[in-house]
Protein backbone atom coordinates (compact mmCIF):
# COMPACT_ATOMS: atom_id res chain seq x y z
CA MET A 1 142.19 2.24 -58.17
CA LYS A 2 140.93 3.92 -55.03
CA PRO A 3 140.55 7.72 -55.18
CA PHE A 4 143.87 9.58 -55.03
CA LEU A 5 145.97 6.42 -54.62
CA ASN A 6 147.23 6.69 -58.16
CA THR A 7 149.04 9.90 -57.30
CA LEU A 8 149.82 9.19 -53.69
CA ILE A 9 152.97 10.78 -52.39
CA THR A 10 153.52 10.26 -48.71
CA THR A 11 156.25 9.60 -46.27
CA PHE A 12 156.02 6.35 -44.49
CA ILE A 13 157.94 4.59 -41.81
CA ALA A 14 155.74 1.58 -41.23
CA ALA A 15 153.99 -0.75 -43.60
CA SER A 16 151.74 -3.57 -42.44
CA LEU A 17 150.57 -6.31 -44.73
CA LEU A 18 147.20 -7.81 -43.99
CA LEU A 19 145.82 -11.32 -44.43
CA GLY A 20 149.05 -13.26 -44.62
CA SER A 21 151.01 -15.74 -42.56
CA ASN A 22 153.25 -14.58 -39.73
CA SER A 23 155.88 -17.31 -40.04
CA TYR A 24 159.30 -15.78 -40.48
CA SER A 25 163.00 -16.29 -40.36
CA GLN A 26 165.51 -13.73 -39.21
CA SER A 27 167.51 -13.50 -42.41
CA LEU A 28 167.93 -9.80 -43.16
CA PRO A 29 171.11 -7.99 -42.18
CA ALA A 30 170.66 -5.55 -39.32
CA ALA A 31 170.17 -1.92 -40.22
CA THR A 32 173.11 0.10 -38.91
CA GLY A 33 172.04 3.59 -39.97
CA ARG A 34 168.94 5.65 -39.24
CA ILE A 35 165.80 3.60 -39.85
CA LEU A 36 163.82 5.04 -42.78
CA LEU A 37 161.27 2.26 -43.27
CA THR A 38 159.81 -0.51 -41.15
CA VAL A 39 157.82 -3.35 -42.69
CA SER A 40 155.69 -5.38 -40.31
CA GLY A 41 152.83 -7.84 -40.52
CA ALA A 42 152.91 -10.83 -42.84
CA ILE A 43 156.64 -11.01 -43.57
CA GLN A 44 159.00 -13.93 -44.02
CA HIS A 45 162.31 -12.16 -43.33
CA SER A 46 163.11 -9.86 -40.43
CA ASN A 47 166.03 -8.18 -38.74
CA ALA A 48 164.37 -6.93 -35.55
CA GLU A 49 161.33 -7.32 -33.33
CA ARG A 50 158.70 -4.94 -31.99
CA ASP A 51 156.36 -6.07 -29.23
CA GLY A 52 157.50 -9.64 -29.83
CA GLN A 53 156.61 -9.52 -33.53
CA PRO A 54 159.11 -9.72 -36.39
CA ILE A 55 159.79 -6.54 -38.35
CA ALA A 56 162.07 -5.65 -41.24
CA GLN A 57 163.88 -2.37 -40.68
CA PHE A 58 165.56 -0.58 -43.58
CA ASP A 59 168.17 2.14 -43.38
CA ARG A 60 169.34 3.95 -46.53
CA ALA A 61 172.01 1.31 -47.28
CA LEU A 62 169.54 -1.59 -47.06
CA LEU A 63 167.02 0.26 -49.22
CA GLU A 64 169.70 0.91 -51.83
CA GLN A 65 170.58 -2.80 -51.90
CA SER A 66 167.14 -3.34 -53.44
CA GLY A 67 168.31 -1.27 -56.43
CA ILE A 68 167.64 2.37 -57.22
CA GLN A 69 165.18 3.30 -59.94
CA THR A 70 164.59 6.75 -61.38
CA LEU A 71 161.16 7.95 -62.41
CA ALA A 72 160.25 11.27 -64.03
CA THR A 73 156.58 12.09 -63.47
CA ARG A 74 154.15 14.78 -62.43
CA SER A 75 152.47 14.84 -59.05
CA GLU A 76 149.90 16.98 -57.30
CA TRP A 77 152.52 17.97 -54.75
CA THR A 78 155.24 19.23 -57.08
CA ASP A 79 155.40 21.65 -60.00
CA GLY A 80 155.76 20.00 -63.39
CA VAL A 81 157.68 16.83 -64.07
CA GLN A 82 160.11 15.94 -61.29
CA THR A 83 162.71 13.17 -61.16
CA PHE A 84 162.28 10.82 -58.22
CA SER A 85 164.75 8.09 -57.23
CA GLY A 86 164.51 5.16 -54.86
CA PRO A 87 163.93 1.43 -54.77
CA LEU A 88 160.90 -0.22 -56.29
CA ALA A 89 158.34 -0.83 -53.56
CA ARG A 90 157.93 -4.42 -54.75
CA ALA A 91 161.69 -5.06 -54.41
CA VAL A 92 161.69 -3.87 -50.80
CA LEU A 93 158.57 -5.90 -49.98
CA ASP A 94 160.09 -8.95 -51.69
CA THR A 95 163.24 -8.50 -49.58
CA ALA A 96 161.04 -8.69 -46.47
CA GLY A 97 159.13 -11.64 -47.92
CA ALA A 98 155.90 -9.68 -47.55
CA THR A 99 152.58 -11.27 -48.41
CA GLY A 100 149.00 -10.12 -48.10
CA THR A 101 146.52 -7.97 -49.97
CA THR A 102 146.81 -4.52 -48.43
CA LEU A 103 149.75 -2.28 -47.67
CA VAL A 104 149.10 0.16 -44.83
CA ALA A 105 151.46 3.10 -45.23
CA VAL A 106 151.88 5.16 -42.06
CA ALA A 107 153.57 8.57 -42.13
CA LEU A 108 155.69 10.12 -39.41
CA ASN A 109 152.66 12.24 -38.44
CA ASP A 110 150.53 9.05 -38.15
CA TYR A 111 148.59 9.76 -41.36
CA GLN A 112 147.87 6.41 -42.93
CA VAL A 113 146.48 5.09 -46.17
CA ASN A 114 145.63 1.63 -47.42
CA ILE A 115 147.21 0.70 -50.74
CA PRO A 116 146.27 -2.47 -52.62
CA LEU A 117 149.38 -4.63 -52.62
CA SER A 118 148.62 -5.41 -56.26
CA ASP A 119 149.45 -1.77 -57.13
CA VAL A 120 153.15 -2.27 -56.36
CA TYR A 121 153.24 -5.36 -58.58
CA ASP A 122 151.08 -3.93 -61.39
CA TYR A 123 153.04 -0.66 -61.61
CA PRO A 124 156.67 0.32 -60.95
CA VAL A 125 155.82 2.21 -57.75
CA ILE A 126 158.96 3.57 -56.12
CA LEU A 127 159.83 4.50 -52.57
CA ALA A 128 161.48 7.77 -53.46
CA THR A 129 164.28 8.92 -51.20
CA THR A 130 165.34 11.77 -53.50
CA VAL A 131 163.61 14.38 -55.65
CA GLU A 132 165.71 16.09 -58.31
CA GLY A 133 168.78 14.50 -56.72
CA LYS A 134 168.08 15.99 -53.27
CA LEU A 135 167.57 13.66 -50.30
CA LEU A 136 164.09 13.93 -48.83
CA THR A 137 164.04 15.09 -45.23
CA ARG A 138 161.30 15.45 -42.63
CA ARG A 139 161.05 19.09 -43.66
CA ASP A 140 160.22 17.84 -47.20
CA LYS A 141 157.67 15.37 -45.77
CA GLY A 142 160.33 12.67 -46.13
CA PRO A 143 162.33 10.56 -45.72
CA ILE A 144 160.29 8.54 -48.25
CA TRP A 145 157.56 9.39 -50.74
CA ILE A 146 155.48 6.69 -52.42
CA ILE A 147 155.52 7.58 -56.12
CA TYR A 148 153.23 6.10 -58.76
CA PRO A 149 154.34 6.44 -62.42
CA ARG A 150 151.26 8.44 -63.31
CA ASP A 151 152.64 9.93 -66.54
CA ASP A 152 153.49 6.49 -67.93
CA TYR A 153 150.10 4.84 -67.38
CA PRO A 154 146.94 6.58 -68.63
CA GLU A 155 144.84 4.89 -65.93
CA LEU A 156 146.95 6.63 -63.27
CA ALA A 157 146.72 10.12 -64.79
CA ASN A 158 143.44 11.05 -63.08
CA PRO A 159 143.71 11.16 -59.28
CA GLU A 160 139.98 10.48 -58.92
CA THR A 161 140.13 6.99 -60.46
């Protein structure tokens, strides 16, 4: 694991997948609500375009179609164990038909971090849209936090590994 990735909590609205094919089909339903997440790069399924490139846009309803998981874990950004809910990152990426080796998560403030794509398949990483049952907002550094199950996997417990 890269330093701090095992406890990464960040909001992101764009994810690019590197080193994959750009062939795609427009097979996702259109998002009708506020866009919370955009997946771009090496994807097979899209529902919109940006600069002539296919993208998969997810509103809350489309994210929830991927299934909602609940995870109770500690983080460096919250006090004690908190309960986070949202879809598994791998389910959302599978919906977009994403391939590649690196996930680039970009926050609303343009902060970005590279995450090995293998992390979302090796661990049940969730795209949390709620904490303790409360919807994440921009004020909470939302609308999405990337949550690793650090309390369930000893190798994720230390943010420096």
